Structures are given as structure tokens and as C-alpha cells.
Amino acid sequence: SPKFEQLMANSVLPNVGIMISNLDRPTDFRRHILKLAWIHIRKNIALKMDHFDILKGLILRTLKESLGKGIGLDHEVAVFKVITAGFNLFSEIMETKVNE
């Protein structure tokens, strides 16, 4: 949908870029994920774990479409690992907040 494509372009993909940029700085990586979690908490946006898998797949597909042949299997695996690490941390933060 156009609304989802706009969300991907304006929010999701830039945040994935920030996550990748912070890979060598775990404190900054965690701080960024914490910020994203608080935004979702403040806006009362609930995300289910099965939605994470769908979103990961959509992010990878969007990257492939935008980068074309510029993204190979190694890149795809690396991005998937980064996204998974970010989503796991995000989920942990969200669950902690919900259980408080």
C-alpha cells in the first residue's frame, strides 16, 4: 500500500541504516533501539513477534528492490542479522515495559 511504502521510506529504512551505522558502537545501537521502543510505547503502538518476521522480510525485499543487483547474499544475511538483533532488543524493551 502507498501508506506502508511511505512508512518504509521515511522511517523504517532510515532506522535500519542507523542500526547498521552503529554496529561497532553497541551503546549507541542499544540507545537507538531504546529510543524506537519508547516512541512505540508513547504512541501506544503494539507490535507482535510474528509481525517482526513479516517486517524483516519486507525490509529485505525493499532493500533488494531499491539496490537491485547491488545487494548480494552476503549483504542480505548481514542486514537480516542486524535487523534481527535490533528487533530482539526492541522486543525485550517492549516486554519489560509492558510487565512493569
N, C-alpha and C. Protein backbone atom coordinates (compact mmCIF):
# COMPACT_ATOMS: atom_id res chain seq x y z
N SER A 1 0.83 -1.18 0.00
CA SER A 1 0.00 0.00 0.00
C SER A 1 0.88 1.25 0.00
N PRO A 2 0.42 2.32 -0.56
CA PRO A 2 1.20 3.56 -0.59
C PRO A 2 1.56 4.07 0.80
N LYS A 3 0.64 3.90 1.76
CA LYS A 3 0.93 4.36 3.12
C LYS A 3 2.09 3.57 3.72
N PHE A 4 2.10 2.25 3.50
CA PHE A 4 3.18 1.42 4.01
C PHE A 4 4.50 1.76 3.32
N GLU A 5 4.46 1.97 2.01
CA GLU A 5 5.67 2.34 1.28
C GLU A 5 6.24 3.65 1.80
N GLN A 6 5.37 4.59 2.13
CA GLN A 6 5.83 5.86 2.69
C GLN A 6 6.46 5.65 4.06
N LEU A 7 5.86 4.80 4.88
CA LEU A 7 6.43 4.48 6.20
C LEU A 7 7.80 3.85 6.04
N MET A 8 7.94 2.92 5.11
CA MET A 8 9.23 2.27 4.87
C MET A 8 10.28 3.30 4.46
N ALA A 9 9.93 4.16 3.53
CA ALA A 9 10.88 5.14 3.02
C ALA A 9 11.24 6.20 4.05
N ASN A 10 10.28 6.63 4.83
CA ASN A 10 10.51 7.75 5.75
C ASN A 10 10.97 7.34 7.14
N SER A 11 10.71 6.11 7.54
CA SER A 11 11.02 5.74 8.92
C SER A 11 11.81 4.45 9.04
N VAL A 12 11.29 3.37 8.50
CA VAL A 12 11.90 2.06 8.73
C VAL A 12 13.30 1.97 8.14
N LEU A 13 13.45 2.25 6.86
CA LEU A 13 14.76 2.11 6.22
C LEU A 13 15.81 3.05 6.81
N PRO A 14 15.48 4.32 7.08
CA PRO A 14 16.49 5.17 7.74
C PRO A 14 16.91 4.61 9.11
N ASN A 15 15.98 4.03 9.84
CA ASN A 15 16.33 3.45 11.14
C ASN A 15 17.21 2.22 10.98
N VAL A 16 16.98 1.42 9.96
CA VAL A 16 17.86 0.28 9.69
C VAL A 16 19.26 0.80 9.36
N GLY A 17 19.34 1.88 8.60
CA GLY A 17 20.64 2.49 8.29
C GLY A 17 21.37 2.93 9.55
N ILE A 18 20.65 3.53 10.48
CA ILE A 18 21.26 3.95 11.74
C ILE A 18 21.73 2.74 12.53
N MET A 19 20.94 1.67 12.54
CA MET A 19 21.35 0.45 13.23
C MET A 19 22.65 -0.09 12.64
N ILE A 20 22.73 -0.13 11.32
CA ILE A 20 23.94 -0.63 10.66
C ILE A 20 25.12 0.27 10.97
N SER A 21 24.91 1.58 10.95
CA SER A 21 25.99 2.53 11.26
C SER A 21 26.52 2.37 12.68
N ASN A 22 25.67 1.91 13.58
CA ASN A 22 26.07 1.79 14.99
C ASN A 22 26.53 0.39 15.37
N LEU A 23 26.75 -0.49 14.41
CA LEU A 23 27.14 -1.85 14.74
C LEU A 23 28.43 -1.92 15.56
N ASP A 24 29.36 -1.04 15.28
CA ASP A 24 30.62 -1.07 16.02
C ASP A 24 30.56 -0.25 17.31
N ARG A 25 29.38 0.27 17.61
CA ARG A 25 29.18 1.05 18.85
C ARG A 25 27.93 0.49 19.55
N PRO A 26 28.10 -0.60 20.29
CA PRO A 26 26.94 -1.26 20.91
C PRO A 26 26.10 -0.34 21.80
N THR A 27 26.74 0.59 22.48
CA THR A 27 25.98 1.50 23.35
C THR A 27 25.06 2.38 22.51
N ASP A 28 25.56 2.89 21.39
CA ASP A 28 24.74 3.72 20.51
C ASP A 28 23.63 2.89 19.84
N PHE A 29 23.98 1.66 19.47
CA PHE A 29 23.00 0.75 18.88
C PHE A 29 21.84 0.55 19.86
N ARG A 30 22.18 0.23 21.11
CA ARG A 30 21.16 0.00 22.14
C ARG A 30 20.35 1.27 22.41
N ARG A 31 21.04 2.41 22.46
CA ARG A 31 20.36 3.68 22.71
C ARG A 31 19.33 3.97 21.62
N HIS A 32 19.70 3.70 20.38
CA HIS A 32 18.79 3.95 19.26
C HIS A 32 17.56 3.03 19.35
N ILE A 33 17.78 1.76 19.64
CA ILE A 33 16.66 0.83 19.77
C ILE A 33 15.77 1.23 20.94
N LEU A 34 16.38 1.66 22.04
CA LEU A 34 15.60 2.12 23.19
C LEU A 34 14.72 3.31 22.81
N LYS A 35 15.29 4.22 22.03
CA LYS A 35 14.54 5.39 21.56
C LYS A 35 13.34 4.95 20.71
N LEU A 36 13.57 4.00 19.81
CA LEU A 36 12.47 3.50 18.97
C LEU A 36 11.39 2.83 19.82
N ALA A 37 11.82 2.06 20.81
CA ALA A 37 10.84 1.38 21.68
C ALA A 37 10.01 2.41 22.43
N TRP A 38 10.65 3.45 22.95
CA TRP A 38 9.91 4.47 23.70
C TRP A 38 8.92 5.22 22.81
N ILE A 39 9.30 5.43 21.56
CA ILE A 39 8.36 6.07 20.62
C ILE A 39 7.12 5.19 20.46
N HIS A 40 7.33 3.89 20.31
CA HIS A 40 6.21 2.97 20.16
C HIS A 40 5.38 2.89 21.44
N ILE A 41 6.03 2.92 22.58
CA ILE A 41 5.31 2.88 23.85
C ILE A 41 4.48 4.16 24.01
N ARG A 42 5.11 5.30 23.75
CA ARG A 42 4.43 6.59 23.91
C ARG A 42 3.22 6.70 22.98
N LYS A 43 3.36 6.19 21.76
CA LYS A 43 2.26 6.26 20.80
C LYS A 43 1.31 5.07 20.92
N ASN A 44 1.59 4.21 21.91
CA ASN A 44 0.76 3.04 22.17
C ASN A 44 0.65 2.14 20.93
N ILE A 45 1.78 1.93 20.28
CA ILE A 45 1.85 1.07 19.10
C ILE A 45 2.34 -0.30 19.56
N ALA A 46 1.50 -1.28 19.47
CA ALA A 46 1.88 -2.64 19.88
C ALA A 46 2.31 -3.42 18.65
N LEU A 47 3.41 -4.14 18.79
CA LEU A 47 3.89 -4.98 17.70
C LEU A 47 3.97 -6.41 18.19
N LYS A 48 3.46 -7.34 17.39
CA LYS A 48 3.51 -8.75 17.74
C LYS A 48 4.76 -9.36 17.13
N MET A 49 5.30 -10.38 17.79
CA MET A 49 6.53 -11.01 17.30
C MET A 49 6.37 -11.54 15.88
N ASP A 50 5.22 -12.10 15.53
CA ASP A 50 5.05 -12.60 14.17
C ASP A 50 5.06 -11.46 13.16
N HIS A 51 4.73 -10.25 13.59
CA HIS A 51 4.83 -9.09 12.70
C HIS A 51 6.29 -8.74 12.44
N PHE A 52 7.18 -9.00 13.40
CA PHE A 52 8.60 -8.72 13.21
C PHE A 52 9.13 -9.52 12.03
N ASP A 53 8.77 -10.81 11.95
CA ASP A 53 9.26 -11.63 10.85
C ASP A 53 8.75 -11.12 9.51
N ILE A 54 7.50 -10.70 9.47
CA ILE A 54 6.94 -10.13 8.25
C ILE A 54 7.68 -8.85 7.89
N LEU A 55 7.89 -7.99 8.89
CA LEU A 55 8.57 -6.71 8.64
C LEU A 55 10.01 -6.93 8.19
N LYS A 56 10.71 -7.90 8.80
CA LYS A 56 12.08 -8.20 8.37
C LYS A 56 12.10 -8.57 6.89
N GLY A 57 11.17 -9.43 6.49
CA GLY A 57 11.11 -9.83 5.09
C GLY A 57 10.80 -8.66 4.17
N LEU A 58 9.91 -7.78 4.60
CA LEU A 58 9.57 -6.61 3.79
C LEU A 58 10.74 -5.64 3.68
N ILE A 59 11.49 -5.48 4.77
CA ILE A 59 12.66 -4.60 4.73
C ILE A 59 13.67 -5.15 3.74
N LEU A 60 13.95 -6.45 3.81
CA LEU A 60 14.91 -7.05 2.88
C LEU A 60 14.43 -6.92 1.43
N ARG A 61 13.14 -7.17 1.20
CA ARG A 61 12.61 -7.05 -0.16
C ARG A 61 12.72 -5.62 -0.67
N THR A 62 12.42 -4.65 0.21
CA THR A 62 12.51 -3.24 -0.18
C THR A 62 13.95 -2.87 -0.50
N LEU A 63 14.90 -3.35 0.32
CA LEU A 63 16.31 -3.07 0.04
C LEU A 63 16.73 -3.68 -1.30
N LYS A 64 16.32 -4.91 -1.56
CA LYS A 64 16.65 -5.56 -2.83
C LYS A 64 16.09 -4.77 -4.01
N GLU A 65 14.84 -4.33 -3.87
CA GLU A 65 14.21 -3.59 -4.96
C GLU A 65 14.90 -2.25 -5.19
N SER A 66 15.31 -1.59 -4.11
CA SER A 66 15.93 -0.27 -4.27
C SER A 66 17.39 -0.37 -4.69
N LEU A 67 18.08 -1.42 -4.25
CA LEU A 67 19.50 -1.56 -4.59
C LEU A 67 19.74 -2.44 -5.81
N GLY A 68 18.72 -3.16 -6.21
CA GLY A 68 18.85 -4.02 -7.38
C GLY A 68 19.91 -5.08 -7.16
N LYS A 69 20.82 -5.18 -8.13
CA LYS A 69 21.86 -6.20 -8.05
C LYS A 69 22.98 -5.80 -7.10
N GLY A 70 22.86 -4.62 -6.50
CA GLY A 70 23.89 -4.15 -5.57
C GLY A 70 23.87 -4.86 -4.23
N ILE A 71 22.85 -5.65 -3.97
CA ILE A 71 22.79 -6.39 -2.71
C ILE A 71 22.89 -7.88 -3.02
N GLY A 72 23.95 -8.48 -2.49
CA GLY A 72 24.16 -9.91 -2.69
C GLY A 72 23.73 -10.70 -1.47
N LEU A 73 23.94 -11.99 -1.53
CA LEU A 73 23.53 -12.86 -0.44
C LEU A 73 24.24 -12.50 0.86
N ASP A 74 25.54 -12.17 0.79
CA ASP A 74 26.28 -11.78 2.00
C ASP A 74 25.66 -10.55 2.64
N HIS A 75 25.32 -9.56 1.81
CA HIS A 75 24.69 -8.34 2.32
C HIS A 75 23.33 -8.66 2.95
N GLU A 76 22.59 -9.50 2.25
CA GLU A 76 21.25 -9.86 2.73
C GLU A 76 21.34 -10.55 4.10
N VAL A 77 22.27 -11.47 4.25
CA VAL A 77 22.45 -12.18 5.52
C VAL A 77 22.86 -11.20 6.62
N ALA A 78 23.79 -10.29 6.30
CA ALA A 78 24.26 -9.31 7.29
C ALA A 78 23.12 -8.39 7.73
N VAL A 79 22.36 -7.89 6.78
CA VAL A 79 21.25 -6.99 7.11
C VAL A 79 20.21 -7.75 7.94
N PHE A 80 19.94 -8.99 7.58
CA PHE A 80 18.98 -9.79 8.33
C PHE A 80 19.44 -9.95 9.78
N LYS A 81 20.74 -10.19 9.99
CA LYS A 81 21.28 -10.33 11.35
C LYS A 81 21.14 -9.03 12.13
N VAL A 82 21.43 -7.91 11.48
CA VAL A 82 21.31 -6.61 12.15
C VAL A 82 19.86 -6.35 12.53
N ILE A 83 18.96 -6.58 11.60
CA ILE A 83 17.54 -6.35 11.86
C ILE A 83 17.05 -7.27 12.98
N THR A 84 17.48 -8.52 12.94
CA THR A 84 17.07 -9.47 13.98
C THR A 84 17.58 -9.03 15.34
N ALA A 85 18.84 -8.61 15.43
CA ALA A 85 19.39 -8.13 16.70
C ALA A 85 18.61 -6.92 17.20
N GLY A 86 18.32 -6.00 16.32
CA GLY A 86 17.55 -4.82 16.70
C GLY A 86 16.15 -5.17 17.15
N PHE A 87 15.49 -6.06 16.43
CA PHE A 87 14.13 -6.46 16.78
C PHE A 87 14.10 -7.22 18.10
N ASN A 88 15.11 -8.07 18.34
CA ASN A 88 15.16 -8.80 19.61
C ASN A 88 15.30 -7.85 20.78
N LEU A 89 16.19 -6.87 20.64
CA LEU A 89 16.38 -5.88 21.70
C LEU A 89 15.11 -5.05 21.87
N PHE A 90 14.53 -4.63 20.78
CA PHE A 90 13.28 -3.86 20.80
C PHE A 90 12.20 -4.63 21.55
N SER A 91 12.05 -5.90 21.20
CA SER A 91 11.04 -6.75 21.83
C SER A 91 11.29 -6.89 23.33
N GLU A 92 12.54 -7.07 23.70
CA GLU A 92 12.91 -7.18 25.11
C GLU A 92 12.52 -5.92 25.88
N ILE A 93 12.81 -4.77 25.30
CA ILE A 93 12.47 -3.49 25.94
C ILE A 93 10.96 -3.35 26.05
N MET A 94 10.24 -3.66 24.98
CA MET A 94 8.79 -3.54 24.99
C MET A 94 8.17 -4.47 26.03
N GLU A 95 8.65 -5.71 26.11
CA GLU A 95 8.11 -6.66 27.08
C GLU A 95 8.39 -6.21 28.50
N THR A 96 9.57 -5.67 28.75
CA THR A 96 9.92 -5.18 30.07
C THR A 96 8.99 -4.06 30.48
N LYS A 97 8.73 -3.14 29.55
CA LYS A 97 7.86 -2.00 29.85
C LYS A 97 6.43 -2.46 30.11
N VAL A 98 5.95 -3.40 29.32
CA VAL A 98 4.59 -3.89 29.47
C VAL A 98 4.42 -4.60 30.82
N ASN A 99 5.46 -5.30 31.26
CA ASN A 99 5.37 -6.06 32.51
C ASN A 99 5.66 -5.22 33.75
N GLU A 100 5.97 -3.94 33.60
CA GLU A 100 6.24 -3.08 34.76
C GLU A 100 4.96 -2.72 35.47
